[in-house]
Amino acid sequence: MEKWVLESGSETITITKEHDSFFTVHTDHWSDTLTNSLWFPSYQSARRYVREEMYIEGRFKKVANK
């Protein structure tokens, strides 16, 4: 499993590559129901969503690769 983390102020956003090759975006400010529905076909599209829809700039750091 691959995982990238971005800490922006009080928010922590995580992009995780799931076993089915989709990418999910998790943030510490949303409910689990909404978080589980945010999946993307690629890492780039997940990053684009965070940048354009959540208005969060910054760099993700890769923290896990199992």
PDB file of N, CA and C in Angstrom:
ATOM      1  N   MET A   1       0.848  -1.167   0.000  1.00  0.00           N
ATOM      2  CA  MET A   1       0.000   0.000   0.000  1.00  0.00           C
ATOM      3  C   MET A   1       0.898   1.236   0.000  1.00  0.00           C
ATOM      4  N   GLU A   2       0.569   2.165  -0.871  1.00  0.00           N
ATOM      5  CA  GLU A   2       1.310   3.409  -0.933  1.00  0.00           C
ATOM      6  C   GLU A   2       0.478   4.507  -0.279  1.00  0.00           C
ATOM      7  N   LYS A   3       1.172   5.423   0.424  1.00  0.00           N
ATOM      8  CA  LYS A   3       0.464   6.479   1.131  1.00  0.00           C
ATOM      9  C   LYS A   3       1.275   7.771   1.070  1.00  0.00           C
ATOM     10  N   TRP A   4       0.555   8.880   0.825  1.00  0.00           N
ATOM     11  CA  TRP A   4       1.153  10.208   0.795  1.00  0.00           C
ATOM     12  C   TRP A   4       0.403  11.098   1.776  1.00  0.00           C
ATOM     13  N   VAL A   5       1.119  11.971   2.493  1.00  0.00           N
ATOM     14  CA  VAL A   5       0.512  12.817   3.517  1.00  0.00           C
ATOM     15  C   VAL A   5       0.898  14.271   3.268  1.00  0.00           C
ATOM     16  N   LEU A   6      -0.088  15.161   3.464  1.00  0.00           N
ATOM     17  CA  LEU A   6       0.127  16.609   3.395  1.00  0.00           C
ATOM     18  C   LEU A   6      -0.446  17.217   4.661  1.00  0.00           C
ATOM     19  N   GLU A   7       0.372  17.954   5.399  1.00  0.00           N
ATOM     20  CA  GLU A   7      -0.102  18.673   6.575  1.00  0.00           C
ATOM     21  C   GLU A   7      -0.164  20.141   6.222  1.00  0.00           C
ATOM     22  N   SER A   8      -1.363  20.716   6.325  1.00  0.00           N
ATOM     23  CA  SER A   8      -1.593  22.109   5.979  1.00  0.00           C
ATOM     24  C   SER A   8      -2.342  22.769   7.125  1.00  0.00           C
ATOM     25  N   GLY A   9      -1.619  23.524   7.926  1.00  0.00           N
ATOM     26  CA  GLY A   9      -2.256  24.145   9.080  1.00  0.00           C
ATOM     27  C   GLY A   9      -2.729  23.085  10.057  1.00  0.00           C
ATOM     28  N   SER A  10      -4.022  23.086  10.336  1.00  0.00           N
ATOM     29  CA  SER A  10      -4.580  22.100  11.269  1.00  0.00           C
ATOM     30  C   SER A  10      -5.133  20.874  10.548  1.00  0.00           C
ATOM     31  N   GLU A  11      -5.052  20.837   9.221  1.00  0.00           N
ATOM     32  CA  GLU A  11      -5.578  19.706   8.453  1.00  0.00           C
ATOM     33  C   GLU A  11      -4.463  18.735   8.075  1.00  0.00           C
ATOM     34  N   THR A  12      -4.799  17.468   8.077  1.00  0.00           N
ATOM     35  CA  THR A  12      -3.911  16.437   7.560  1.00  0.00           C
ATOM     36  C   THR A  12      -4.674  15.696   6.478  1.00  0.00           C
ATOM     37  N   ILE A  13      -4.123  15.684   5.276  1.00  0.00           N
ATOM     38  CA  ILE A  13      -4.770  15.040   4.132  1.00  0.00           C
ATOM     39  C   ILE A  13      -3.894  13.873   3.706  1.00  0.00           C
ATOM     40  N   THR A  14      -4.527  12.732   3.493  1.00  0.00           N
ATOM     41  CA  THR A  14      -3.809  11.521   3.119  1.00  0.00           C
ATOM     42  C   THR A  14      -4.388  10.970   1.825  1.00  0.00           C
ATOM     43  N   ILE A  15      -3.509  10.627   0.894  1.00  0.00           N
ATOM     44  CA  ILE A  15      -3.899   9.923  -0.326  1.00  0.00           C
ATOM     45  C   ILE A  15      -3.339   8.512  -0.192  1.00  0.00           C
ATOM     46  N   THR A  16      -4.203   7.524  -0.349  1.00  0.00           N
ATOM     47  CA  THR A  16      -3.804   6.126  -0.190  1.00  0.00           C
ATOM     48  C   THR A  16      -4.141   5.349  -1.449  1.00  0.00           C
ATOM     49  N   LYS A  17      -3.177   4.568  -1.941  1.00  0.00           N
ATOM     50  CA  LYS A  17      -3.445   3.671  -3.063  1.00  0.00           C
ATOM     51  C   LYS A  17      -3.988   2.380  -2.492  1.00  0.00           C
ATOM     52  N   GLU A  18      -5.212   2.043  -2.848  1.00  0.00           N
ATOM     53  CA  GLU A  18      -5.882   0.858  -2.313  1.00  0.00           C
ATOM     54  C   GLU A  18      -5.481  -0.389  -3.097  1.00  0.00           C
ATOM     55  N   HIS A  19      -5.860  -1.542  -2.597  1.00  0.00           N
ATOM     56  CA  HIS A  19      -5.509  -2.816  -3.232  1.00  0.00           C
ATOM     57  C   HIS A  19      -6.120  -2.967  -4.618  1.00  0.00           C
ATOM     58  N   ASP A  20      -7.208  -2.232  -4.905  1.00  0.00           N
ATOM     59  CA  ASP A  20      -7.843  -2.312  -6.223  1.00  0.00           C
ATOM     60  C   ASP A  20      -7.296  -1.273  -7.197  1.00  0.00           C
ATOM     61  N   SER A  21      -6.172  -0.653  -6.847  1.00  0.00           N
ATOM     62  CA  SER A  21      -5.459   0.344  -7.665  1.00  0.00           C
ATOM     63  C   SER A  21      -6.175   1.686  -7.765  1.00  0.00           C
ATOM     64  N   PHE A  22      -7.181   1.922  -6.947  1.00  0.00           N
ATOM     65  CA  PHE A  22      -7.788   3.242  -6.882  1.00  0.00           C
ATOM     66  C   PHE A  22      -7.139   4.017  -5.746  1.00  0.00           C
ATOM     67  N   PHE A  23      -7.274   5.330  -5.795  1.00  0.00           N
ATOM     68  CA  PHE A  23      -6.680   6.201  -4.797  1.00  0.00           C
ATOM     69  C   PHE A  23      -7.793   6.870  -3.999  1.00  0.00           C
ATOM     70  N   THR A  24      -7.670   6.896  -2.681  1.00  0.00           N
ATOM     71  CA  THR A  24      -8.668   7.539  -1.834  1.00  0.00           C
ATOM     72  C   THR A  24      -8.038   8.744  -1.145  1.00  0.00           C
ATOM     73  N   VAL A  25      -8.866   9.761  -0.929  1.00  0.00           N
ATOM     74  CA  VAL A  25      -8.435  10.963  -0.210  1.00  0.00           C
ATOM     75  C   VAL A  25      -9.123  10.968   1.143  1.00  0.00           C
ATOM     76  N   HIS A  26      -8.331  11.059   2.196  1.00  0.00           N
ATOM     77  CA  HIS A  26      -8.852  11.126   3.559  1.00  0.00           C
ATOM     78  C   HIS A  26      -8.389  12.439   4.179  1.00  0.00           C
ATOM     79  N   THR A  27      -9.255  13.076   4.936  1.00  0.00           N
ATOM     80  CA  THR A  27      -8.878  14.268   5.673  1.00  0.00           C
ATOM     81  C   THR A  27      -9.453  14.186   7.072  1.00  0.00           C
ATOM     82  N   ASP A  28      -8.819  14.840   8.018  1.00  0.00           N
ATOM     83  CA  ASP A  28      -9.246  14.737   9.411  1.00  0.00           C
ATOM     84  C   ASP A  28     -10.440  15.626   9.739  1.00  0.00           C
ATOM     85  N   HIS A  29     -11.008  16.348   8.755  1.00  0.00           N
ATOM     86  CA  HIS A  29     -12.133  17.241   9.018  1.00  0.00           C
ATOM     87  C   HIS A  29     -13.458  16.750   8.453  1.00  0.00           C
ATOM     88  N   TRP A  30     -13.483  15.608   7.782  1.00  0.00           N
ATOM     89  CA  TRP A  30     -14.713  15.113   7.167  1.00  0.00           C
ATOM     90  C   TRP A  30     -15.195  13.869   7.880  1.00  0.00           C
ATOM     91  N   SER A  31     -16.452  13.534   7.668  1.00  0.00           N
ATOM     92  CA  SER A  31     -16.994  12.298   8.246  1.00  0.00           C
ATOM     93  C   SER A  31     -16.487  11.096   7.454  1.00  0.00           C
ATOM     94  N   ASP A  32     -16.523   9.922   8.071  1.00  0.00           N
ATOM     95  CA  ASP A  32     -16.049   8.703   7.398  1.00  0.00           C
ATOM     96  C   ASP A  32     -16.874   8.387   6.160  1.00  0.00           C
ATOM     97  N   THR A  33     -18.171   8.694   6.185  1.00  0.00           N
ATOM     98  CA  THR A  33     -19.030   8.400   5.041  1.00  0.00           C
ATOM     99  C   THR A  33     -18.573   9.163   3.807  1.00  0.00           C
ATOM    100  N   LEU A  34     -18.288  10.438   3.966  1.00  0.00           N
ATOM    101  CA  LEU A  34     -17.847  11.244   2.834  1.00  0.00           C
ATOM    102  C   LEU A  34     -16.438  10.848   2.414  1.00  0.00           C
ATOM    103  N   THR A  35     -15.550  10.617   3.362  1.00  0.00           N
ATOM    104  CA  THR A  35     -14.170  10.263   3.045  1.00  0.00           C
ATOM    105  C   THR A  35     -14.104   8.995   2.213  1.00  0.00           C
ATOM    106  N   ASN A  36     -14.889   7.980   2.583  1.00  0.00           N
ATOM    107  CA  ASN A  36     -14.832   6.718   1.860  1.00  0.00           C
ATOM    108  C   ASN A  36     -15.348   6.841   0.434  1.00  0.00           C
ATOM    109  N   SER A  37     -16.119   7.868   0.123  1.00  0.00           N
ATOM    110  CA  SER A  37     -16.649   8.012  -1.221  1.00  0.00           C
ATOM    111  C   SER A  37     -15.715   8.786  -2.150  1.00  0.00           C
ATOM    112  N   LEU A  38     -14.639   9.335  -1.624  1.00  0.00           N
ATOM    113  CA  LEU A  38     -13.713  10.115  -2.452  1.00  0.00           C
ATOM    114  C   LEU A  38     -12.598   9.223  -2.982  1.00  0.00           C
ATOM    115  N   TRP A  39     -12.864   8.579  -4.112  1.00  0.00           N
ATOM    116  CA  TRP A  39     -11.843   7.751  -4.731  1.00  0.00           C
ATOM    117  C   TRP A  39     -11.570   8.272  -6.130  1.00  0.00           C
ATOM    118  N   PHE A  40     -10.357   8.023  -6.606  1.00  0.00           N
ATOM    119  CA  PHE A  40      -9.910   8.554  -7.886  1.00  0.00           C
ATOM    120  C   PHE A  40      -9.145   7.485  -8.645  1.00  0.00           C
ATOM    121  N   PRO A  41      -9.145   7.564  -9.978  1.00  0.00           N
ATOM    122  CA  PRO A  41      -8.455   6.543 -10.774  1.00  0.00           C
ATOM    123  C   PRO A  41      -6.933   6.688 -10.788  1.00  0.00           C
ATOM    124  N   SER A  42      -6.413   7.870 -10.384  1.00  0.00           N
ATOM    125  CA  SER A  42      -4.965   8.063 -10.396  1.00  0.00           C
ATOM    126  C   SER A  42      -4.539   9.003  -9.269  1.00  0.00           C
ATOM    127  N   TYR A  43      -3.255   8.940  -8.944  1.00  0.00           N
ATOM    128  CA  TYR A  43      -2.692   9.829  -7.921  1.00  0.00           C
ATOM    129  C   TYR A  43      -2.793  11.282  -8.375  1.00  0.00           C
ATOM    130  N   GLN A  44      -2.543  11.540  -9.654  1.00  0.00           N
ATOM    131  CA  GLN A  44      -2.611  12.903 -10.175  1.00  0.00           C
ATOM    132  C   GLN A  44      -4.005  13.492 -10.047  1.00  0.00           C
ATOM    133  N   SER A  45      -5.034  12.707 -10.313  1.00  0.00           N
ATOM    134  CA  SER A  45      -6.399  13.235 -10.203  1.00  0.00           C
ATOM    135  C   SER A  45      -6.768  13.491  -8.740  1.00  0.00           C
ATOM    136  N   ALA A  46      -6.270  12.678  -7.818  1.00  0.00           N
ATOM    137  CA  ALA A  46      -6.504  12.918  -6.392  1.00  0.00           C
ATOM    138  C   ALA A  46      -5.810  14.204  -5.954  1.00  0.00           C
ATOM    139  N   ARG A  47      -4.573  14.407  -6.382  1.00  0.00           N
ATOM    140  CA  ARG A  47      -3.850  15.652  -6.056  1.00  0.00           C
ATOM    141  C   ARG A  47      -4.547  16.862  -6.644  1.00  0.00           C
ATOM    142  N   ARG A  48      -5.016  16.746  -7.876  1.00  0.00           N
ATOM    143  CA  ARG A  48      -5.713  17.853  -8.529  1.00  0.00           C
ATOM    144  C   ARG A  48      -6.974  18.224  -7.759  1.00  0.00           C
ATOM    145  N   TYR A  49      -7.698  17.226  -7.265  1.00  0.00           N
ATOM    146  CA  TYR A  49      -8.906  17.481  -6.482  1.00  0.00           C
ATOM    147  C   TYR A  49      -8.562  18.269  -5.218  1.00  0.00           C
ATOM    148  N   VAL A  50      -7.521  17.854  -4.521  1.00  0.00           N
ATOM    149  CA  VAL A  50      -7.126  18.548  -3.288  1.00  0.00           C
ATOM    150  C   VAL A  50      -6.753  19.995  -3.600  1.00  0.00           C
ATOM    151  N   ARG A  51      -6.014  20.217  -4.668  1.00  0.00           N
ATOM    152  CA  ARG A  51      -5.567  21.561  -5.035  1.00  0.00           C
ATOM    153  C   ARG A  51      -6.716  22.441  -5.516  1.00  0.00           C
ATOM    154  N   GLU A  52      -7.578  21.924  -6.407  1.00  0.00           N
ATOM    155  CA  GLU A  52      -8.599  22.755  -7.038  1.00  0.00           C
ATOM    156  C   GLU A  52      -9.911  22.833  -6.259  1.00  0.00           C
ATOM    157  N   GLU A  53     -10.311  21.775  -5.596  1.00  0.00           N
ATOM    158  CA  GLU A  53     -11.601  21.758  -4.913  1.00  0.00           C
ATOM    159  C   GLU A  53     -11.496  22.077  -3.423  1.00  0.00           C
ATOM    160  N   MET A  54     -10.387  21.697  -2.807  1.00  0.00           N
ATOM    161  CA  MET A  54     -10.219  21.958  -1.382  1.00  0.00           C
ATOM    162  C   MET A  54      -9.366  23.205  -1.143  1.00  0.00           C
ATOM    163  N   TYR A  55      -8.790  23.760  -2.209  1.00  0.00           N
ATOM    164  CA  TYR A  55      -7.960  24.971  -2.150  1.00  0.00           C
ATOM    165  C   TYR A  55      -6.783  24.819  -1.183  1.00  0.00           C
ATOM    166  N   ILE A  56      -6.131  23.681  -1.238  1.00  0.00           N
ATOM    167  CA  ILE A  56      -4.980  23.431  -0.378  1.00  0.00           C
ATOM    168  C   ILE A  56      -3.761  23.234  -1.253  1.00  0.00           C
ATOM    169  N   GLU A  57      -2.767  24.068  -1.043  1.00  0.00           N
ATOM    170  CA  GLU A  57      -1.508  23.965  -1.764  1.00  0.00           C
ATOM    171  C   GLU A  57      -0.481  23.313  -0.850  1.00  0.00           C
ATOM    172  N   GLY A  58       0.499  22.728  -1.416  1.00  0.00           N
ATOM    173  CA  GLY A  58       1.558  22.106  -0.633  1.00  0.00           C
ATOM    174  C   GLY A  58       2.020  20.829  -1.297  1.00  0.00           C
ATOM    175  N   ARG A  59       3.013  20.218  -0.696  1.00  0.00           N
ATOM    176  CA  ARG A  59       3.585  19.000  -1.254  1.00  0.00           C
ATOM    177  C   ARG A  59       3.220  17.801  -0.398  1.00  0.00           C
ATOM    178  N   PHE A  60       2.839  16.739  -1.072  1.00  0.00           N
ATOM    179  CA  PHE A  60       2.587  15.477  -0.390  1.00  0.00           C
ATOM    180  C   PHE A  60       3.916  14.758  -0.208  1.00  0.00           C
ATOM    181  N   LYS A  61       4.091  14.131   0.944  1.00  0.00           N
ATOM    182  CA  LYS A  61       5.281  13.329   1.206  1.00  0.00           C
ATOM    183  C   LYS A  61       4.883  11.866   1.250  1.00  0.00           C
ATOM    184  N   LYS A  62       5.613  11.041   0.533  1.00  0.00           N
ATOM    185  CA  LYS A  62       5.334   9.610   0.524  1.00  0.00           C
ATOM    186  C   LYS A  62       5.831   9.028   1.848  1.00  0.00           C
ATOM    187  N   VAL A  63       4.920   8.367   2.577  1.00  0.00           N
ATOM    188  CA  VAL A  63       5.269   7.865   3.905  1.00  0.00           C
ATOM    189  C   VAL A  63       5.202   6.350   4.018  1.00  0.00           C
ATOM    190  N   ALA A  64       4.594   5.655   3.079  1.00  0.00           N
ATOM    191  CA  ALA A  64       4.478   4.199   3.193  1.00  0.00           C
ATOM    192  C   ALA A  64       4.475   3.562   1.812  1.00  0.00           C
ATOM    193  N   ASN A  65       5.079   2.398   1.739  1.00  0.00           N
ATOM    194  CA  ASN A  65       5.051   1.602   0.514  1.00  0.00           C
ATOM    195  C   ASN A  65       5.226   0.151   0.923  1.00  0.00           C
ATOM    196  N   LYS A  66       4.103  -0.526   1.119  1.00  0.00           N
ATOM    197  CA  LYS A  66       4.152  -1.921   1.572  1.00  0.00           C
ATOM    198  C   LYS A  66       3.587  -2.829   0.524  1.00  0.00           C
TER     199      LYS A  66
END
